[in-house]
Amino acid sequence: MPQPTSQSLKAIVDQIFADRRISRQGQRELMNRLLSQPTLSNQDYAIAQRVFDAIRQGRLRVID
């Protein structure tokens, strides 16, 4: 069963991909979720990596 933090992280990332963009606020929320944990689970790491890869590949736009 996923941890509550993993679920909220997934919800944030799902919204980012649905919008195909990430705002500064979305970026802060994502970073707050990631940094609020002493360690990242493999699942959380994969979720975060998916966002960063999409930004690098131009599949997500970064907006203000």
PDB file of N, CA and C in Angstrom:
ATOM      1  N   MET A   1       0.853  -1.187   0.000  1.00  0.00           N
ATOM      2  CA  MET A   1       0.000   0.000   0.000  1.00  0.00           C
ATOM      3  C   MET A   1       0.896   1.247   0.000  1.00  0.00           C
ATOM      4  N   PRO A   2       0.661   2.211  -0.941  1.00  0.00           N
ATOM      5  CA  PRO A   2       1.505   3.402  -0.992  1.00  0.00           C
ATOM      6  C   PRO A   2       1.328   4.274   0.236  1.00  0.00           C
ATOM      7  N   GLN A   3       2.400   4.976   0.583  1.00  0.00           N
ATOM      8  CA  GLN A   3       2.343   5.904   1.699  1.00  0.00           C
ATOM      9  C   GLN A   3       1.540   7.132   1.286  1.00  0.00           C
ATOM     10  N   PRO A   4       0.916   7.855   2.251  1.00  0.00           N
ATOM     11  CA  PRO A   4       0.164   9.063   1.915  1.00  0.00           C
ATOM     12  C   PRO A   4       1.001  10.087   1.159  1.00  0.00           C
ATOM     13  N   THR A   5       2.273  10.226   1.520  1.00  0.00           N
ATOM     14  CA  THR A   5       3.129  11.175   0.816  1.00  0.00           C
ATOM     15  C   THR A   5       3.274  10.768  -0.637  1.00  0.00           C
ATOM     16  N   SER A   6       3.422   9.484  -0.900  1.00  0.00           N
ATOM     17  CA  SER A   6       3.538   9.000  -2.272  1.00  0.00           C
ATOM     18  C   SER A   6       2.278   9.306  -3.057  1.00  0.00           C
ATOM     19  N   GLN A   7       1.129   9.158  -2.426  1.00  0.00           N
ATOM     20  CA  GLN A   7      -0.129   9.436  -3.104  1.00  0.00           C
ATOM     21  C   GLN A   7      -0.245  10.911  -3.445  1.00  0.00           C
ATOM     22  N   SER A   8       0.103  11.796  -2.525  1.00  0.00           N
ATOM     23  CA  SER A   8      -0.011  13.219  -2.810  1.00  0.00           C
ATOM     24  C   SER A   8       1.027  13.636  -3.843  1.00  0.00           C
ATOM     25  N   LEU A   9       2.197  13.039  -3.814  1.00  0.00           N
ATOM     26  CA  LEU A   9       3.213  13.308  -4.824  1.00  0.00           C
ATOM     27  C   LEU A   9       2.699  12.876  -6.189  1.00  0.00           C
ATOM     28  N   LYS A  10       2.093  11.711  -6.250  1.00  0.00           N
ATOM     29  CA  LYS A  10       1.544  11.215  -7.509  1.00  0.00           C
ATOM     30  C   LYS A  10       0.440  12.135  -8.018  1.00  0.00           C
ATOM     31  N   ALA A  11      -0.397  12.641  -7.134  1.00  0.00           N
ATOM     32  CA  ALA A  11      -1.473  13.550  -7.546  1.00  0.00           C
ATOM     33  C   ALA A  11      -0.900  14.837  -8.141  1.00  0.00           C
ATOM     34  N   ILE A  12       0.143  15.373  -7.528  1.00  0.00           N
ATOM     35  CA  ILE A  12       0.787  16.583  -8.051  1.00  0.00           C
ATOM     36  C   ILE A  12       1.354  16.310  -9.440  1.00  0.00           C
ATOM     37  N   VAL A  13       2.057  15.204  -9.584  1.00  0.00           N
ATOM     38  CA  VAL A  13       2.687  14.870 -10.865  1.00  0.00           C
ATOM     39  C   VAL A  13       1.633  14.564 -11.928  1.00  0.00           C
ATOM     40  N   ASP A  14       0.569  13.877 -11.558  1.00  0.00           N
ATOM     41  CA  ASP A  14      -0.510  13.612 -12.517  1.00  0.00           C
ATOM     42  C   ASP A  14      -1.085  14.916 -13.055  1.00  0.00           C
ATOM     43  N   GLN A  15      -1.263  15.905 -12.178  1.00  0.00           N
ATOM     44  CA  GLN A  15      -1.793  17.203 -12.609  1.00  0.00           C
ATOM     45  C   GLN A  15      -0.800  17.921 -13.521  1.00  0.00           C
ATOM     46  N   ILE A  16       0.473  17.846 -13.192  1.00  0.00           N
ATOM     47  CA  ILE A  16       1.513  18.467 -14.027  1.00  0.00           C
ATOM     48  C   ILE A  16       1.466  17.879 -15.434  1.00  0.00           C
ATOM     49  N   PHE A  17       1.368  16.559 -15.541  1.00  0.00           N
ATOM     50  CA  PHE A  17       1.337  15.928 -16.861  1.00  0.00           C
ATOM     51  C   PHE A  17       0.011  16.172 -17.578  1.00  0.00           C
ATOM     52  N   ALA A  18      -1.078  16.275 -16.846  1.00  0.00           N
ATOM     53  CA  ALA A  18      -2.365  16.589 -17.475  1.00  0.00           C
ATOM     54  C   ALA A  18      -2.328  17.983 -18.093  1.00  0.00           C
ATOM     55  N   ASP A  19      -1.685  18.928 -17.393  1.00  0.00           N
ATOM     56  CA  ASP A  19      -1.569  20.303 -17.892  1.00  0.00           C
ATOM     57  C   ASP A  19      -0.456  20.452 -18.926  1.00  0.00           C
ATOM     58  N   ARG A  20       0.468  19.494 -18.956  1.00  0.00           N
ATOM     59  CA  ARG A  20       1.649  19.519 -19.826  1.00  0.00           C
ATOM     60  C   ARG A  20       2.531  20.731 -19.564  1.00  0.00           C
ATOM     61  N   ARG A  21       2.488  21.186 -18.315  1.00  0.00           N
ATOM     62  CA  ARG A  21       3.338  22.306 -17.898  1.00  0.00           C
ATOM     63  C   ARG A  21       3.488  22.249 -16.387  1.00  0.00           C
ATOM     64  N   ILE A  22       4.530  22.933 -15.917  1.00  0.00           N
ATOM     65  CA  ILE A  22       4.751  23.029 -14.478  1.00  0.00           C
ATOM     66  C   ILE A  22       4.996  24.496 -14.153  1.00  0.00           C
ATOM     67  N   SER A  23       4.249  24.993 -13.206  1.00  0.00           N
ATOM     68  CA  SER A  23       4.410  26.385 -12.770  1.00  0.00           C
ATOM     69  C   SER A  23       5.440  26.433 -11.651  1.00  0.00           C
ATOM     70  N   ARG A  24       5.841  27.635 -11.307  1.00  0.00           N
ATOM     71  CA  ARG A  24       6.764  27.787 -10.175  1.00  0.00           C
ATOM     72  C   ARG A  24       6.109  27.251  -8.904  1.00  0.00           C
ATOM     73  N   GLN A  25       4.808  27.488  -8.754  1.00  0.00           N
ATOM     74  CA  GLN A  25       4.097  26.973  -7.578  1.00  0.00           C
ATOM     75  C   GLN A  25       4.082  25.439  -7.594  1.00  0.00           C
ATOM     76  N   GLY A  26       3.800  24.859  -8.744  1.00  0.00           N
ATOM     77  CA  GLY A  26       3.818  23.404  -8.864  1.00  0.00           C
ATOM     78  C   GLY A  26       5.189  22.831  -8.582  1.00  0.00           C
ATOM     79  N   GLN A  27       6.199  23.554  -9.037  1.00  0.00           N
ATOM     80  CA  GLN A  27       7.575  23.140  -8.785  1.00  0.00           C
ATOM     81  C   GLN A  27       7.884  23.172  -7.283  1.00  0.00           C
ATOM     82  N   ARG A  28       7.422  24.227  -6.598  1.00  0.00           N
ATOM     83  CA  ARG A  28       7.624  24.322  -5.145  1.00  0.00           C
ATOM     84  C   ARG A  28       6.905  23.191  -4.419  1.00  0.00           C
ATOM     85  N   GLU A  29       5.652  22.916  -4.821  1.00  0.00           N
ATOM     86  CA  GLU A  29       4.895  21.832  -4.189  1.00  0.00           C
ATOM     87  C   GLU A  29       5.609  20.493  -4.372  1.00  0.00           C
ATOM     88  N   LEU A  30       6.073  20.255  -5.588  1.00  0.00           N
ATOM     89  CA  LEU A  30       6.783  19.013  -5.873  1.00  0.00           C
ATOM     90  C   LEU A  30       8.044  18.906  -5.020  1.00  0.00           C
ATOM     91  N   MET A  31       8.823  19.963  -4.980  1.00  0.00           N
ATOM     92  CA  MET A  31      10.059  19.945  -4.195  1.00  0.00           C
ATOM     93  C   MET A  31       9.771  19.804  -2.700  1.00  0.00           C
ATOM     94  N   ASN A  32       8.727  20.478  -2.211  1.00  0.00           N
ATOM     95  CA  ASN A  32       8.363  20.344  -0.793  1.00  0.00           C
ATOM     96  C   ASN A  32       8.013  18.902  -0.449  1.00  0.00           C
ATOM     97  N   ARG A  33       7.257  18.246  -1.330  1.00  0.00           N
ATOM     98  CA  ARG A  33       6.894  16.836  -1.086  1.00  0.00           C
ATOM     99  C   ARG A  33       8.133  15.951  -1.083  1.00  0.00           C
ATOM    100  N   LEU A  34       9.016  16.195  -2.050  1.00  0.00           N
ATOM    101  CA  LEU A  34      10.218  15.362  -2.141  1.00  0.00           C
ATOM    102  C   LEU A  34      11.146  15.578  -0.956  1.00  0.00           C
ATOM    103  N   LEU A  35      11.309  16.828  -0.554  1.00  0.00           N
ATOM    104  CA  LEU A  35      12.262  17.148   0.508  1.00  0.00           C
ATOM    105  C   LEU A  35      11.697  16.945   1.909  1.00  0.00           C
ATOM    106  N   SER A  36      10.397  16.692   2.015  1.00  0.00           N
ATOM    107  CA  SER A  36       9.792  16.492   3.333  1.00  0.00           C
ATOM    108  C   SER A  36      10.046  15.082   3.871  1.00  0.00           C
ATOM    109  N   GLN A  37      10.618  14.236   3.046  1.00  0.00           N
ATOM    110  CA  GLN A  37      10.880  12.858   3.442  1.00  0.00           C
ATOM    111  C   GLN A  37      12.368  12.675   3.732  1.00  0.00           C
ATOM    112  N   PRO A  38      12.700  11.899   4.762  1.00  0.00           N
ATOM    113  CA  PRO A  38      14.126  11.667   5.051  1.00  0.00           C
ATOM    114  C   PRO A  38      14.817  10.921   3.907  1.00  0.00           C
ATOM    115  N   THR A  39      14.113   9.991   3.281  1.00  0.00           N
ATOM    116  CA  THR A  39      14.623   9.274   2.109  1.00  0.00           C
ATOM    117  C   THR A  39      13.476   9.094   1.125  1.00  0.00           C
ATOM    118  N   LEU A  40      13.821   8.931  -0.136  1.00  0.00           N
ATOM    119  CA  LEU A  40      12.803   8.696  -1.157  1.00  0.00           C
ATOM    120  C   LEU A  40      12.666   7.202  -1.409  1.00  0.00           C
ATOM    121  N   SER A  41      11.431   6.766  -1.537  1.00  0.00           N
ATOM    122  CA  SER A  41      11.208   5.382  -1.945  1.00  0.00           C
ATOM    123  C   SER A  41      11.560   5.272  -3.427  1.00  0.00           C
ATOM    124  N   ASN A  42      11.723   4.069  -3.902  1.00  0.00           N
ATOM    125  CA  ASN A  42      11.988   3.866  -5.330  1.00  0.00           C
ATOM    126  C   ASN A  42      10.857   4.430  -6.177  1.00  0.00           C
ATOM    127  N   GLN A  43       9.622   4.283  -5.698  1.00  0.00           N
ATOM    128  CA  GLN A  43       8.458   4.785  -6.421  1.00  0.00           C
ATOM    129  C   GLN A  43       8.497   6.311  -6.496  1.00  0.00           C
ATOM    130  N   ASP A  44       8.780   6.974  -5.386  1.00  0.00           N
ATOM    131  CA  ASP A  44       8.845   8.436  -5.377  1.00  0.00           C
ATOM    132  C   ASP A  44       9.987   8.941  -6.251  1.00  0.00           C
ATOM    133  N   TYR A  45      11.111   8.252  -6.204  1.00  0.00           N
ATOM    134  CA  TYR A  45      12.244   8.632  -7.043  1.00  0.00           C
ATOM    135  C   TYR A  45      11.864   8.533  -8.524  1.00  0.00           C
ATOM    136  N   ALA A  46      11.190   7.457  -8.897  1.00  0.00           N
ATOM    137  CA  ALA A  46      10.785   7.263 -10.292  1.00  0.00           C
ATOM    138  C   ALA A  46       9.796   8.339 -10.732  1.00  0.00           C
ATOM    139  N   ILE A  47       8.882   8.715  -9.842  1.00  0.00           N
ATOM    140  CA  ILE A  47       7.911   9.766 -10.156  1.00  0.00           C
ATOM    141  C   ILE A  47       8.634  11.087 -10.403  1.00  0.00           C
ATOM    142  N   ALA A  48       9.552  11.437  -9.524  1.00  0.00           N
ATOM    143  CA  ALA A  48      10.305  12.684  -9.671  1.00  0.00           C
ATOM    144  C   ALA A  48      11.160  12.651 -10.934  1.00  0.00           C
ATOM    145  N   GLN A  49      11.798  11.538 -11.183  1.00  0.00           N
ATOM    146  CA  GLN A  49      12.652  11.414 -12.368  1.00  0.00           C
ATOM    147  C   GLN A  49      11.839  11.573 -13.646  1.00  0.00           C
ATOM    148  N   ARG A  50      10.624  11.080 -13.642  1.00  0.00           N
ATOM    149  CA  ARG A  50       9.732  11.207 -14.804  1.00  0.00           C
ATOM    150  C   ARG A  50       9.479  12.675 -15.136  1.00  0.00           C
ATOM    151  N   VAL A  51       9.262  13.502 -14.114  1.00  0.00           N
ATOM    152  CA  VAL A  51       9.041  14.938 -14.330  1.00  0.00           C
ATOM    153  C   VAL A  51      10.302  15.586 -14.887  1.00  0.00           C
ATOM    154  N   PHE A  52      11.428  15.339 -14.258  1.00  0.00           N
ATOM    155  CA  PHE A  52      12.672  15.972 -14.695  1.00  0.00           C
ATOM    156  C   PHE A  52      13.051  15.540 -16.107  1.00  0.00           C
ATOM    157  N   ASP A  53      12.836  14.277 -16.447  1.00  0.00           N
ATOM    158  CA  ASP A  53      13.110  13.808 -17.806  1.00  0.00           C
ATOM    159  C   ASP A  53      12.200  14.502 -18.817  1.00  0.00           C
ATOM    160  N   ALA A  54      10.932  14.654 -18.473  1.00  0.00           N
ATOM    161  CA  ALA A  54       9.980  15.305 -19.380  1.00  0.00           C
ATOM    162  C   ALA A  54      10.350  16.768 -19.614  1.00  0.00           C
ATOM    163  N   ILE A  55      10.827  17.444 -18.585  1.00  0.00           N
ATOM    164  CA  ILE A  55      11.264  18.838 -18.744  1.00  0.00           C
ATOM    165  C   ILE A  55      12.472  18.884 -19.676  1.00  0.00           C
ATOM    166  N   ARG A  56      13.445  18.036 -19.444  1.00  0.00           N
ATOM    167  CA  ARG A  56      14.653  18.008 -20.288  1.00  0.00           C
ATOM    168  C   ARG A  56      14.324  17.685 -21.738  1.00  0.00           C
ATOM    169  N   GLN A  57      13.342  16.825 -21.957  1.00  0.00           N
ATOM    170  CA  GLN A  57      12.985  16.401 -23.308  1.00  0.00           C
ATOM    171  C   GLN A  57      12.000  17.353 -23.978  1.00  0.00           C
ATOM    172  N   GLY A  58      11.556  18.377 -23.257  1.00  0.00           N
ATOM    173  CA  GLY A  58      10.637  19.352 -23.830  1.00  0.00           C
ATOM    174  C   GLY A  58       9.182  18.914 -23.853  1.00  0.00           C
ATOM    175  N   ARG A  59       8.854  17.843 -23.145  1.00  0.00           N
ATOM    176  CA  ARG A  59       7.463  17.386 -23.098  1.00  0.00           C
ATOM    177  C   ARG A  59       6.642  18.136 -22.064  1.00  0.00           C
ATOM    178  N   LEU A  60       7.325  18.828 -21.137  1.00  0.00           N
ATOM    179  CA  LEU A  60       6.670  19.693 -20.152  1.00  0.00           C
ATOM    180  C   LEU A  60       7.248  21.085 -20.299  1.00  0.00           C
ATOM    181  N   ARG A  61       6.362  22.064 -20.247  1.00  0.00           N
ATOM    182  CA  ARG A  61       6.793  23.459 -20.284  1.00  0.00           C
ATOM    183  C   ARG A  61       6.889  23.986 -18.871  1.00  0.00           C
ATOM    184  N   VAL A  62       7.905  24.777 -18.604  1.00  0.00           N
ATOM    185  CA  VAL A  62       8.049  25.441 -17.307  1.00  0.00           C
ATOM    186  C   VAL A  62       7.535  26.857 -17.480  1.00  0.00           C
ATOM    187  N   ILE A  63       6.542  27.234 -16.656  1.00  0.00           N
ATOM    188  CA  ILE A  63       5.949  28.569 -16.748  1.00  0.00           C
ATOM    189  C   ILE A  63       6.066  29.278 -15.404  1.00  0.00           C
ATOM    190  N   ASP A  64       5.920  30.603 -15.442  1.00  0.00           N
ATOM    191  CA  ASP A  64       5.950  31.385 -14.195  1.00  0.00           C
ATOM    192  C   ASP A  64       4.597  31.449 -13.558  1.00  0.00           C
TER     193      ASP A  64
END
